[in-house]
């Protein structure tokens, strides 16, 4: 074999081996995405399909005919009052939870990042943020219910009756304390990474230039943390707005918030209780959630630029 023929042989080998390598690359690419198949099926079966079914029922009447009466019922004063109650409960608990949670995060900045105290608070927040539903409602009923431990203790020792003006725990105002209970740890989980992302060099530079601690937090750290704080606030609002189990366990009579109104539409026999109205109510909730989560995604994108 001559040396002159070597390039031709090498090029021929390269051309022959080229087509064999491409399928292997394609197969590796497909294999990489196979891991997403279980999650995609889960989202499709338990999120996308139920959502489409729920929305679709809002545009049909009991006989299966297309109608806009269910969507038009969203303008009913009773339904509007229900949305208003959900809005103010969600907004108030989100604001209180975000402020208290931010203060807890600020207090933890003085501890060691890998210390036992911060690890304990982070672990407890992860657990308490998921402690909701019937268990949380039972805890509050056993603690500050009509015959709750704290209620009886205050009445017998101090003569103070927390229900002197009405049993507020089983009405909409009674949702505030349970919601704040799981809103604060959720704020700790979502906002603490943003505080940890503050660079010590920024505080050192501000001090070198003669800035005070107040100047640092109002002109440097505050603007940097604002998108993350507002994003966490929106997340807390969405969390409270969509909560159902705790409210259903506490409020057995009436439908003062949207999730309970959906329940009433499915099981009630009143005029507003036709089952297809639940789909229209779900449509209203989804619109609110889409707006909130879109704003949350935008704020999270702003926050990610400072954390890089």
C-alpha atoms as a PDB file:
ATOM      1  CA  UNK A   1       0.000   0.000   0.000  1.00  0.00           C
ATOM      2  CA  UNK A   2       1.428   3.371  -1.012  1.00  0.00           C
ATOM      3  CA  UNK A   3       1.505   6.418   1.148  1.00  0.00           C
ATOM      4  CA  UNK A   4      -0.401   8.340  -1.535  1.00  0.00           C
ATOM      5  CA  UNK A   5      -3.408   6.115  -1.118  1.00  0.00           C
ATOM      6  CA  UNK A   6      -3.500   6.596   2.661  1.00  0.00           C
ATOM      7  CA  UNK A   7      -5.631   9.793   2.638  1.00  0.00           C
ATOM      8  CA  UNK A   8      -8.197   8.138   0.384  1.00  0.00           C
ATOM      9  CA  UNK A   9      -8.387   5.136   2.659  1.00  0.00           C
ATOM     10  CA  UNK A  10      -8.717   7.351   5.741  1.00  0.00           C
ATOM     11  CA  UNK A  11     -11.419   9.452   4.129  1.00  0.00           C
ATOM     12  CA  UNK A  12     -13.226   6.311   2.996  1.00  0.00           C
ATOM     13  CA  UNK A  13     -13.116   4.923   6.514  1.00  0.00           C
ATOM     14  CA  UNK A  14     -14.416   8.220   7.891  1.00  0.00           C
ATOM     15  CA  UNK A  15     -17.318   8.253   5.431  1.00  0.00           C
ATOM     16  CA  UNK A  16     -18.098   4.642   6.200  1.00  0.00           C
ATOM     17  CA  UNK A  17     -18.035   5.178   9.928  1.00  0.00           C
ATOM     18  CA  UNK A  18     -19.899   8.490   9.833  1.00  0.00           C
ATOM     19  CA  UNK A  19     -23.397   7.087   9.218  1.00  0.00           C
ATOM     20  CA  UNK A  20     -22.859   4.536  11.971  1.00  0.00           C
ATOM     21  CA  UNK A  21     -22.141   7.225  14.590  1.00  0.00           C
ATOM     22  CA  UNK A  22     -25.159   9.399  13.896  1.00  0.00           C
ATOM     23  CA  UNK A  23     -27.786   6.870  14.973  1.00  0.00           C
ATOM     24  CA  UNK A  24     -25.875   6.282  18.192  1.00  0.00           C
ATOM     25  CA  UNK A  25     -25.974  10.023  18.908  1.00  0.00           C
ATOM     26  CA  UNK A  26     -29.708  10.133  18.169  1.00  0.00           C
ATOM     27  CA  UNK A  27     -30.269   7.119  20.382  1.00  0.00           C
ATOM     28  CA  UNK A  28     -28.355   8.753  23.204  1.00  0.00           C
ATOM     29  CA  UNK A  29     -30.466  11.877  22.797  1.00  0.00           C
ATOM     30  CA  UNK A  30     -33.690   9.874  22.922  1.00  0.00           C
ATOM     31  CA  UNK A  31     -32.466   7.903  25.908  1.00  0.00           C
ATOM     32  CA  UNK A  32     -31.767  11.145  27.728  1.00  0.00           C
ATOM     33  CA  UNK A  33     -35.392  12.216  27.332  1.00  0.00           C
ATOM     34  CA  UNK A  34     -36.843   8.850  28.327  1.00  0.00           C
ATOM     35  CA  UNK A  35     -36.388   9.833  31.959  1.00  0.00           C
ATOM     36  CA  UNK A  36     -38.976  12.562  31.497  1.00  0.00           C
ATOM     37  CA  UNK A  37     -41.654  10.135  30.288  1.00  0.00           C
ATOM     38  CA  UNK A  38     -42.971   9.151  33.781  1.00  0.00           C
ATOM     39  CA  UNK A  39     -43.171  12.788  34.847  1.00  0.00           C
ATOM     40  CA  UNK A  40     -44.825  13.779  31.563  1.00  0.00           C
ATOM     41  CA  UNK A  41     -47.422  11.027  31.977  1.00  0.00           C
ATOM     42  CA  UNK A  42     -48.048  12.117  35.559  1.00  0.00           C
ATOM     43  CA  UNK A  43     -48.599  15.736  34.509  1.00  0.00           C
ATOM     44  CA  UNK A  44     -50.829  14.654  31.628  1.00  0.00           C
ATOM     45  CA  UNK A  45     -53.024  12.253  33.596  1.00  0.00           C
ATOM     46  CA  UNK A  46     -53.279  14.068  36.919  1.00  0.00           C
ATOM     47  CA  UNK A  47     -52.995  17.725  35.910  1.00  0.00           C
ATOM     48  CA  UNK A  48     -53.672  18.449  32.241  1.00  0.00           C
ATOM     49  CA  UNK A  49     -56.563  16.046  31.643  1.00  0.00           C
ATOM     50  CA  UNK A  50     -58.485  16.879  34.881  1.00  0.00           C
ATOM     51  CA  UNK A  51     -57.982  20.591  34.217  1.00  0.00           C
ATOM     52  CA  UNK A  52     -59.352  20.309  30.685  1.00  0.00           C
ATOM     53  CA  UNK A  53     -62.309  18.239  31.893  1.00  0.00           C
ATOM     54  CA  UNK A  54     -63.064  20.722  34.675  1.00  0.00           C
ATOM     55  CA  UNK A  55     -62.897  23.671  32.291  1.00  0.00           C
ATOM     56  CA  UNK A  56     -64.908  21.883  29.626  1.00  0.00           C
ATOM     57  CA  UNK A  57     -67.822  21.138  31.946  1.00  0.00           C
ATOM     58  CA  UNK A  58     -68.288  24.858  32.539  1.00  0.00           C
ATOM     59  CA  UNK A  59     -69.442  25.317  28.934  1.00  0.00           C
ATOM     60  CA  UNK A  60     -72.130  22.611  29.022  1.00  0.00           C
ATOM     61  CA  UNK A  61     -75.470  22.358  30.779  1.00  0.00           C
ATOM     62  CA  UNK A  62     -76.908  19.322  32.507  1.00  0.00           C
ATOM     63  CA  UNK A  63     -78.139  17.876  29.206  1.00  0.00           C
ATOM     64  CA  UNK A  64     -74.732  18.196  27.523  1.00  0.00           C
ATOM     65  CA  UNK A  65     -75.643  21.198  25.344  1.00  0.00           C
ATOM     66  CA  UNK A  66     -73.246  24.104  24.883  1.00  0.00           C
ATOM     67  CA  UNK A  67     -74.100  27.114  27.020  1.00  0.00           C
ATOM     68  CA  UNK A  68     -72.534  30.234  28.472  1.00  0.00           C
ATOM     69  CA  UNK A  69     -74.896  30.398  31.443  1.00  0.00           C
ATOM     70  CA  UNK A  70     -72.336  28.834  33.773  1.00  0.00           C
ATOM     71  CA  UNK A  71     -69.647  31.341  32.806  1.00  0.00           C
ATOM     72  CA  UNK A  72     -72.189  34.153  33.065  1.00  0.00           C
ATOM     73  CA  UNK A  73     -72.929  33.056  36.625  1.00  0.00           C
ATOM     74  CA  UNK A  74     -69.457  34.306  37.583  1.00  0.00           C
ATOM     75  CA  UNK A  75     -70.979  37.792  37.587  1.00  0.00           C
ATOM     76  CA  UNK A  76     -73.559  36.759  40.191  1.00  0.00           C
ATOM     77  CA  UNK A  77     -73.201  38.837  43.411  1.00  0.00           C
ATOM     78  CA  UNK A  78     -72.880  35.667  45.497  1.00  0.00           C
ATOM     79  CA  UNK A  79     -70.028  34.362  43.349  1.00  0.00           C
ATOM     80  CA  UNK A  80     -68.317  37.757  43.287  1.00  0.00           C
ATOM     81  CA  UNK A  81     -68.548  37.940  47.083  1.00  0.00           C
ATOM     82  CA  UNK A  82     -66.973  34.480  47.249  1.00  0.00           C
ATOM     83  CA  UNK A  83     -64.055  35.570  45.078  1.00  0.00           C
ATOM     84  CA  UNK A  84     -63.684  38.726  47.180  1.00  0.00           C
ATOM     85  CA  UNK A  85     -63.467  36.636  50.367  1.00  0.00           C
ATOM     86  CA  UNK A  86     -60.843  34.382  48.819  1.00  0.00           C
ATOM     87  CA  UNK A  87     -58.873  37.412  47.660  1.00  0.00           C
ATOM     88  CA  UNK A  88     -58.734  39.182  51.006  1.00  0.00           C
ATOM     89  CA  UNK A  89     -57.976  36.030  53.004  1.00  0.00           C
ATOM     90  CA  UNK A  90     -55.217  35.054  50.558  1.00  0.00           C
ATOM     91  CA  UNK A  91     -53.776  38.565  50.356  1.00  0.00           C
ATOM     92  CA  UNK A  92     -53.801  39.183  54.119  1.00  0.00           C
ATOM     93  CA  UNK A  93     -52.244  35.831  55.032  1.00  0.00           C
ATOM     94  CA  UNK A  94     -49.686  36.221  52.234  1.00  0.00           C
ATOM     95  CA  UNK A  95     -48.597  39.647  53.484  1.00  0.00           C
ATOM     96  CA  UNK A  96     -48.422  38.582  57.136  1.00  0.00           C
ATOM     97  CA  UNK A  97     -46.702  35.311  56.271  1.00  0.00           C
ATOM     98  CA  UNK A  98     -44.159  36.975  53.993  1.00  0.00           C
ATOM     99  CA  UNK A  99     -43.240  39.639  56.563  1.00  0.00           C
ATOM    100  CA  UNK A 100     -42.898  37.161  59.433  1.00  0.00           C
ATOM    101  CA  UNK A 101     -41.046  34.682  57.244  1.00  0.00           C
ATOM    102  CA  UNK A 102     -38.651  37.373  56.015  1.00  0.00           C
ATOM    103  CA  UNK A 103     -37.897  38.347  59.614  1.00  0.00           C
ATOM    104  CA  UNK A 104     -37.120  34.717  60.434  1.00  0.00           C
ATOM    105  CA  UNK A 105     -34.794  34.554  57.420  1.00  0.00           C
ATOM    106  CA  UNK A 106     -33.074  37.774  58.495  1.00  0.00           C
ATOM    107  CA  UNK A 107     -32.562  36.381  61.995  1.00  0.00           C
ATOM    108  CA  UNK A 108     -31.017  33.217  60.558  1.00  0.00           C
ATOM    109  CA  UNK A 109     -28.424  35.255  58.663  1.00  0.00           C
ATOM    110  CA  UNK A 110     -26.590  35.649  61.965  1.00  0.00           C
ATOM    111  CA  UNK A 111     -26.198  31.879  62.333  1.00  0.00           C
ATOM    112  CA  UNK A 112     -23.705  29.568  60.679  1.00  0.00           C
ATOM    113  CA  UNK A 113     -24.843  28.390  57.235  1.00  0.00           C
ATOM    114  CA  UNK A 114     -24.112  24.771  58.154  1.00  0.00           C
ATOM    115  CA  UNK A 115     -24.912  25.159  61.853  1.00  0.00           C
ATOM    116  CA  UNK A 116     -27.494  23.102  63.751  1.00  0.00           C
ATOM    117  CA  UNK A 117     -29.871  26.039  64.312  1.00  0.00           C
ATOM    118  CA  UNK A 118     -30.249  26.912  60.638  1.00  0.00           C
ATOM    119  CA  UNK A 119     -30.533  23.244  59.711  1.00  0.00           C
ATOM    120  CA  UNK A 120     -33.264  22.774  62.324  1.00  0.00           C
ATOM    121  CA  UNK A 121     -35.234  25.826  61.164  1.00  0.00           C
ATOM    122  CA  UNK A 122     -34.949  24.796  57.518  1.00  0.00           C
ATOM    123  CA  UNK A 123     -36.037  21.229  58.269  1.00  0.00           C
ATOM    124  CA  UNK A 124     -38.920  22.374  60.477  1.00  0.00           C
ATOM    125  CA  UNK A 125     -40.070  24.847  57.815  1.00  0.00           C
ATOM    126  CA  UNK A 126     -40.068  22.113  55.177  1.00  0.00           C
ATOM    127  CA  UNK A 127     -42.306  19.962  57.379  1.00  0.00           C
ATOM    128  CA  UNK A 128     -44.634  22.692  58.656  1.00  0.00           C
ATOM    129  CA  UNK A 129     -45.157  24.157  55.183  1.00  0.00           C
ATOM    130  CA  UNK A 130     -46.778  20.834  54.216  1.00  0.00           C
ATOM    131  CA  UNK A 131     -48.703  20.446  57.473  1.00  0.00           C
ATOM    132  CA  UNK A 132     -52.157  21.426  56.362  1.00  0.00           C
ATOM    133  CA  UNK A 133     -55.539  19.998  55.551  1.00  0.00           C
ATOM    134  CA  UNK A 134     -57.625  18.113  58.084  1.00  0.00           C
ATOM    135  CA  UNK A 135     -54.687  17.578  60.459  1.00  0.00           C
ATOM    136  CA  UNK A 136     -54.073  21.312  60.779  1.00  0.00           C
ATOM    137  CA  UNK A 137     -57.782  22.038  61.189  1.00  0.00           C
ATOM    138  CA  UNK A 138     -58.033  19.416  63.953  1.00  0.00           C
ATOM    139  CA  UNK A 139     -54.975  20.897  65.689  1.00  0.00           C
ATOM    140  CA  UNK A 140     -56.599  24.332  65.820  1.00  0.00           C
ATOM    141  CA  UNK A 141     -59.960  22.915  66.897  1.00  0.00           C
ATOM    142  CA  UNK A 142     -58.267  21.020  69.724  1.00  0.00           C
ATOM    143  CA  UNK A 143     -56.247  24.104  70.706  1.00  0.00           C
ATOM    144  CA  UNK A 144     -58.548  27.119  70.300  1.00  0.00           C
ATOM    145  CA  UNK A 145     -61.873  25.499  69.448  1.00  0.00           C
ATOM    146  CA  UNK A 146     -64.978  25.984  71.568  1.00  0.00           C
ATOM    147  CA  UNK A 147     -63.748  23.267  73.946  1.00  0.00           C
ATOM    148  CA  UNK A 148     -60.091  23.685  73.028  1.00  0.00           C
ATOM    149  CA  UNK A 149     -57.274  23.514  75.564  1.00  0.00           C
ATOM    150  CA  UNK A 150     -56.254  27.175  75.268  1.00  0.00           C
ATOM    151  CA  UNK A 151     -59.880  28.341  75.159  1.00  0.00           C
ATOM    152  CA  UNK A 152     -60.772  26.586  78.400  1.00  0.00           C
ATOM    153  CA  UNK A 153     -57.499  27.654  80.046  1.00  0.00           C
ATOM    154  CA  UNK A 154     -58.083  31.338  79.250  1.00  0.00           C
ATOM    155  CA  UNK A 155     -61.677  31.175  80.376  1.00  0.00           C
ATOM    156  CA  UNK A 156     -60.946  29.407  83.694  1.00  0.00           C
ATOM    157  CA  UNK A 157     -57.778  31.298  84.668  1.00  0.00           C
ATOM    158  CA  UNK A 158     -58.297  34.799  83.239  1.00  0.00           C
ATOM    159  CA  UNK A 159     -62.028  34.842  82.609  1.00  0.00           C
ATOM    160  CA  UNK A 160     -61.343  35.739  78.987  1.00  0.00           C
ATOM    161  CA  UNK A 161     -63.596  34.194  76.365  1.00  0.00           C
ATOM    162  CA  UNK A 162     -62.078  34.369  72.880  1.00  0.00           C
ATOM    163  CA  UNK A 163     -65.494  33.568  71.393  1.00  0.00           C
ATOM    164  CA  UNK A 164     -67.437  36.206  73.311  1.00  0.00           C
ATOM    165  CA  UNK A 165     -68.384  37.944  70.054  1.00  0.00           C
ATOM    166  CA  UNK A 166     -69.112  34.780  68.085  1.00  0.00           C
ATOM    167  CA  UNK A 167     -67.443  31.541  67.082  1.00  0.00           C
ATOM    168  CA  UNK A 168     -65.137  33.100  64.499  1.00  0.00           C
ATOM    169  CA  UNK A 169     -62.926  30.001  64.137  1.00  0.00           C
ATOM    170  CA  UNK A 170     -65.552  28.270  62.009  1.00  0.00           C
ATOM    171  CA  UNK A 171     -66.049  31.234  59.702  1.00  0.00           C
ATOM    172  CA  UNK A 172     -63.841  32.981  57.140  1.00  0.00           C
ATOM    173  CA  UNK A 173     -61.858  34.979  59.770  1.00  0.00           C
ATOM    174  CA  UNK A 174     -61.013  31.666  61.405  1.00  0.00           C
ATOM    175  CA  UNK A 175     -58.970  30.719  58.344  1.00  0.00           C
ATOM    176  CA  UNK A 176     -56.405  33.441  58.994  1.00  0.00           C
ATOM    177  CA  UNK A 177     -54.502  31.695  61.794  1.00  0.00           C
ATOM    178  CA  UNK A 178     -54.282  28.249  60.128  1.00  0.00           C
ATOM    179  CA  UNK A 179     -53.240  29.810  56.823  1.00  0.00           C
ATOM    180  CA  UNK A 180     -50.561  31.959  58.465  1.00  0.00           C
ATOM    181  CA  UNK A 181     -49.354  28.807  60.221  1.00  0.00           C
ATOM    182  CA  UNK A 182     -48.226  27.243  56.940  1.00  0.00           C
ATOM    183  CA  UNK A 183     -47.508  30.491  55.104  1.00  0.00           C
ATOM    184  CA  UNK A 184     -44.624  31.520  57.362  1.00  0.00           C
ATOM    185  CA  UNK A 185     -42.540  28.326  56.897  1.00  0.00           C
ATOM    186  CA  UNK A 186     -43.245  28.417  53.150  1.00  0.00           C
ATOM    187  CA  UNK A 187     -41.823  31.951  53.063  1.00  0.00           C
ATOM    188  CA  UNK A 188     -38.736  30.762  54.931  1.00  0.00           C
ATOM    189  CA  UNK A 189     -38.144  28.048  52.340  1.00  0.00           C
ATOM    190  CA  UNK A 190     -38.594  30.313  49.311  1.00  0.00           C
ATOM    191  CA  UNK A 191     -36.963  33.526  50.562  1.00  0.00           C
ATOM    192  CA  UNK A 192     -33.937  32.207  52.441  1.00  0.00           C
ATOM    193  CA  UNK A 193     -31.962  31.333  49.261  1.00  0.00           C
ATOM    194  CA  UNK A 194     -32.311  34.946  48.108  1.00  0.00           C
ATOM    195  CA  UNK A 195     -30.898  36.270  51.384  1.00  0.00           C
ATOM    196  CA  UNK A 196     -28.078  33.757  51.234  1.00  0.00           C
ATOM    197  CA  UNK A 197     -27.313  35.027  47.732  1.00  0.00           C
ATOM    198  CA  UNK A 198     -26.364  38.488  49.025  1.00  0.00           C
ATOM    199  CA  UNK A 199     -22.652  38.911  48.489  1.00  0.00           C
ATOM    200  CA  UNK A 200     -20.606  40.023  51.530  1.00  0.00           C
ATOM    201  CA  UNK A 201     -18.538  42.219  49.200  1.00  0.00           C
ATOM    202  CA  UNK A 202     -21.555  44.483  48.683  1.00  0.00           C
ATOM    203  CA  UNK A 203     -21.805  45.250  52.406  1.00  0.00           C
ATOM    204  CA  UNK A 204     -18.038  45.740  52.638  1.00  0.00           C
ATOM    205  CA  UNK A 205     -18.048  48.135  49.684  1.00  0.00           C
ATOM    206  CA  UNK A 206     -20.910  50.135  51.184  1.00  0.00           C
ATOM    207  CA  UNK A 207     -19.105  50.385  54.529  1.00  0.00           C
ATOM    208  CA  UNK A 208     -15.872  51.397  52.800  1.00  0.00           C
ATOM    209  CA  UNK A 209     -17.669  54.235  51.034  1.00  0.00           C
ATOM    210  CA  UNK A 210     -19.119  55.467  54.311  1.00  0.00           C
ATOM    211  CA  UNK A 211     -22.557  53.919  54.006  1.00  0.00           C
ATOM    212  CA  UNK A 212     -24.484  52.905  57.111  1.00  0.00           C
ATOM    213  CA  UNK A 213     -26.258  49.602  57.653  1.00  0.00           C
ATOM    214  CA  UNK A 214     -29.569  51.343  56.891  1.00  0.00           C
ATOM    215  CA  UNK A 215     -28.133  52.622  53.614  1.00  0.00           C
ATOM    216  CA  UNK A 216     -26.971  49.144  52.681  1.00  0.00           C
ATOM    217  CA  UNK A 217     -30.395  47.569  53.247  1.00  0.00           C
ATOM    218  CA  UNK A 218     -32.419  50.353  51.638  1.00  0.00           C
ATOM    219  CA  UNK A 219     -30.236  51.100  48.608  1.00  0.00           C
ATOM    220  CA  UNK A 220     -28.410  47.850  47.874  1.00  0.00           C
ATOM    221  CA  UNK A 221     -29.881  44.765  49.513  1.00  0.00           C
ATOM    222  CA  UNK A 222     -33.469  45.998  49.414  1.00  0.00           C
ATOM    223  CA  UNK A 223     -33.676  46.568  45.638  1.00  0.00           C
ATOM    224  CA  UNK A 224     -31.849  43.296  45.011  1.00  0.00           C
ATOM    225  CA  UNK A 225     -34.208  41.326  47.257  1.00  0.00           C
ATOM    226  CA  UNK A 226     -37.401  43.092  46.122  1.00  0.00           C
ATOM    227  CA  UNK A 227     -38.140  40.795  43.136  1.00  0.00           C
ATOM    228  CA  UNK A 228     -37.551  37.693  45.252  1.00  0.00           C
ATOM    229  CA  UNK A 229     -39.714  39.029  48.086  1.00  0.00           C
ATOM    230  CA  UNK A 230     -42.559  39.969  45.752  1.00  0.00           C
ATOM    231  CA  UNK A 231     -42.273  36.621  43.985  1.00  0.00           C
ATOM    232  CA  UNK A 232     -42.498  34.785  47.305  1.00  0.00           C
ATOM    233  CA  UNK A 233     -45.468  36.971  48.242  1.00  0.00           C
ATOM    234  CA  UNK A 234     -47.263  35.936  45.049  1.00  0.00           C
ATOM    235  CA  UNK A 235     -46.443  32.294  45.722  1.00  0.00           C
ATOM    236  CA  UNK A 236     -47.966  32.567  49.199  1.00  0.00           C
ATOM    237  CA  UNK A 237     -51.058  34.223  47.715  1.00  0.00           C
ATOM    238  CA  UNK A 238     -51.473  31.380  45.219  1.00  0.00           C
ATOM    239  CA  UNK A 239     -50.943  28.824  47.986  1.00  0.00           C
ATOM    240  CA  UNK A 240     -53.706  30.316  50.136  1.00  0.00           C
ATOM    241  CA  UNK A 241     -56.043  30.977  47.205  1.00  0.00           C
ATOM    242  CA  UNK A 242     -55.994  27.326  46.161  1.00  0.00           C
ATOM    243  CA  UNK A 243     -56.154  25.774  49.650  1.00  0.00           C
ATOM    244  CA  UNK A 244     -59.214  23.640  50.242  1.00  0.00           C
ATOM    245  CA  UNK A 245     -58.862  20.893  52.851  1.00  0.00           C
ATOM    246  CA  UNK A 246     -58.221  23.121  55.875  1.00  0.00           C
ATOM    247  CA  UNK A 247     -61.143  25.404  54.993  1.00  0.00           C
ATOM    248  CA  UNK A 248     -63.429  22.442  54.294  1.00  0.00           C
ATOM    249  CA  UNK A 249     -62.639  20.917  57.687  1.00  0.00           C
ATOM    250  CA  UNK A 250     -63.182  24.166  59.604  1.00  0.00           C
ATOM    251  CA  UNK A 251     -66.149  25.617  57.701  1.00  0.00           C
ATOM    252  CA  UNK A 252     -68.798  22.932  57.432  1.00  0.00           C
ATOM    253  CA  UNK A 253     -71.667  25.326  56.736  1.00  0.00           C
ATOM    254  CA  UNK A 254     -71.696  27.775  53.844  1.00  0.00           C
ATOM    255  CA  UNK A 255     -69.341  28.397  50.953  1.00  0.00           C
ATOM    256  CA  UNK A 256     -67.576  31.668  51.688  1.00  0.00           C
ATOM    257  CA  UNK A 257     -64.470  31.071  49.558  1.00  0.00           C
ATOM    258  CA  UNK A 258     -64.095  29.795  45.998  1.00  0.00           C
ATOM    259  CA  UNK A 259     -62.892  26.217  46.744  1.00  0.00           C
ATOM    260  CA  UNK A 260     -65.852  25.742  49.087  1.00  0.00           C
ATOM    261  CA  UNK A 261     -68.171  27.253  46.474  1.00  0.00           C
ATOM    262  CA  UNK A 262     -66.936  24.615  44.008  1.00  0.00           C
ATOM    263  CA  UNK A 263     -67.752  21.938  46.583  1.00  0.00           C
ATOM    264  CA  UNK A 264     -71.220  23.418  47.059  1.00  0.00           C
ATOM    265  CA  UNK A 265     -71.777  23.488  43.306  1.00  0.00           C
ATOM    266  CA  UNK A 266     -70.979  19.783  43.090  1.00  0.00           C
ATOM    267  CA  UNK A 267     -73.108  18.568  46.004  1.00  0.00           C
ATOM    268  CA  UNK A 268     -75.810  21.203  46.503  1.00  0.00           C
ATOM    269  CA  UNK A 269     -79.286  21.190  44.997  1.00  0.00           C
ATOM    270  CA  UNK A 270     -79.810  24.969  45.008  1.00  0.00           C
ATOM    271  CA  UNK A 271     -79.928  27.166  41.929  1.00  0.00           C
ATOM    272  CA  UNK A 272     -76.251  28.037  42.280  1.00  0.00           C
ATOM    273  CA  UNK A 273     -75.492  24.435  43.052  1.00  0.00           C
ATOM    274  CA  UNK A 274     -75.700  22.987  39.563  1.00  0.00           C
ATOM    275  CA  UNK A 275     -72.668  20.820  39.084  1.00  0.00           C
ATOM    276  CA  UNK A 276     -71.504  22.390  35.820  1.00  0.00           C
ATOM    277  CA  UNK A 277     -71.069  25.711  37.602  1.00  0.00           C
ATOM    278  CA  UNK A 278     -68.045  24.132  39.292  1.00  0.00           C
ATOM    279  CA  UNK A 279     -66.266  24.145  35.928  1.00  0.00           C
ATOM    280  CA  UNK A 280     -66.891  27.872  35.504  1.00  0.00           C
ATOM    281  CA  UNK A 281     -65.612  28.528  39.027  1.00  0.00           C
ATOM    282  CA  UNK A 282     -62.538  26.445  38.256  1.00  0.00           C
ATOM    283  CA  UNK A 283     -62.031  28.551  35.135  1.00  0.00           C
ATOM    284  CA  UNK A 284     -62.079  31.715  37.248  1.00  0.00           C
ATOM    285  CA  UNK A 285     -59.561  30.237  39.690  1.00  0.00           C
ATOM    286  CA  UNK A 286     -57.263  29.093  36.887  1.00  0.00           C
ATOM    287  CA  UNK A 287     -57.292  32.561  35.320  1.00  0.00           C
ATOM    288  CA  UNK A 288     -56.278  34.085  38.655  1.00  0.00           C
ATOM    289  CA  UNK A 289     -53.574  31.453  39.171  1.00  0.00           C
ATOM    290  CA  UNK A 290     -52.178  31.911  35.661  1.00  0.00           C
ATOM    291  CA  UNK A 291     -51.862  35.665  36.186  1.00  0.00           C
ATOM    292  CA  UNK A 292     -50.227  35.201  39.597  1.00  0.00           C
ATOM    293  CA  UNK A 293     -47.799  32.494  38.480  1.00  0.00           C
ATOM    294  CA  UNK A 294     -46.849  34.435  35.339  1.00  0.00           C
ATOM    295  CA  UNK A 295     -45.916  37.403  37.490  1.00  0.00           C
ATOM    296  CA  UNK A 296     -44.077  35.034  39.844  1.00  0.00           C
ATOM    297  CA  UNK A 297     -42.041  33.569  36.959  1.00  0.00           C
ATOM    298  CA  UNK A 298     -41.117  37.048  35.767  1.00  0.00           C
ATOM    299  CA  UNK A 299     -39.932  38.067  39.230  1.00  0.00           C
ATOM    300  CA  UNK A 300     -38.008  34.821  39.668  1.00  0.00           C
ATOM    301  CA  UNK A 301     -36.191  35.505  36.392  1.00  0.00           C
ATOM    302  CA  UNK A 302     -35.208  38.926  37.726  1.00  0.00           C
ATOM    303  CA  UNK A 303     -34.000  37.331  40.951  1.00  0.00           C
ATOM    304  CA  UNK A 304     -31.922  34.705  39.143  1.00  0.00           C
ATOM    305  CA  UNK A 305     -29.784  37.390  37.519  1.00  0.00           C
ATOM    306  CA  UNK A 306     -28.548  38.563  40.918  1.00  0.00           C
ATOM    307  CA  UNK A 307     -27.939  35.016  42.186  1.00  0.00           C
ATOM    308  CA  UNK A 308     -25.625  34.008  39.351  1.00  0.00           C
END
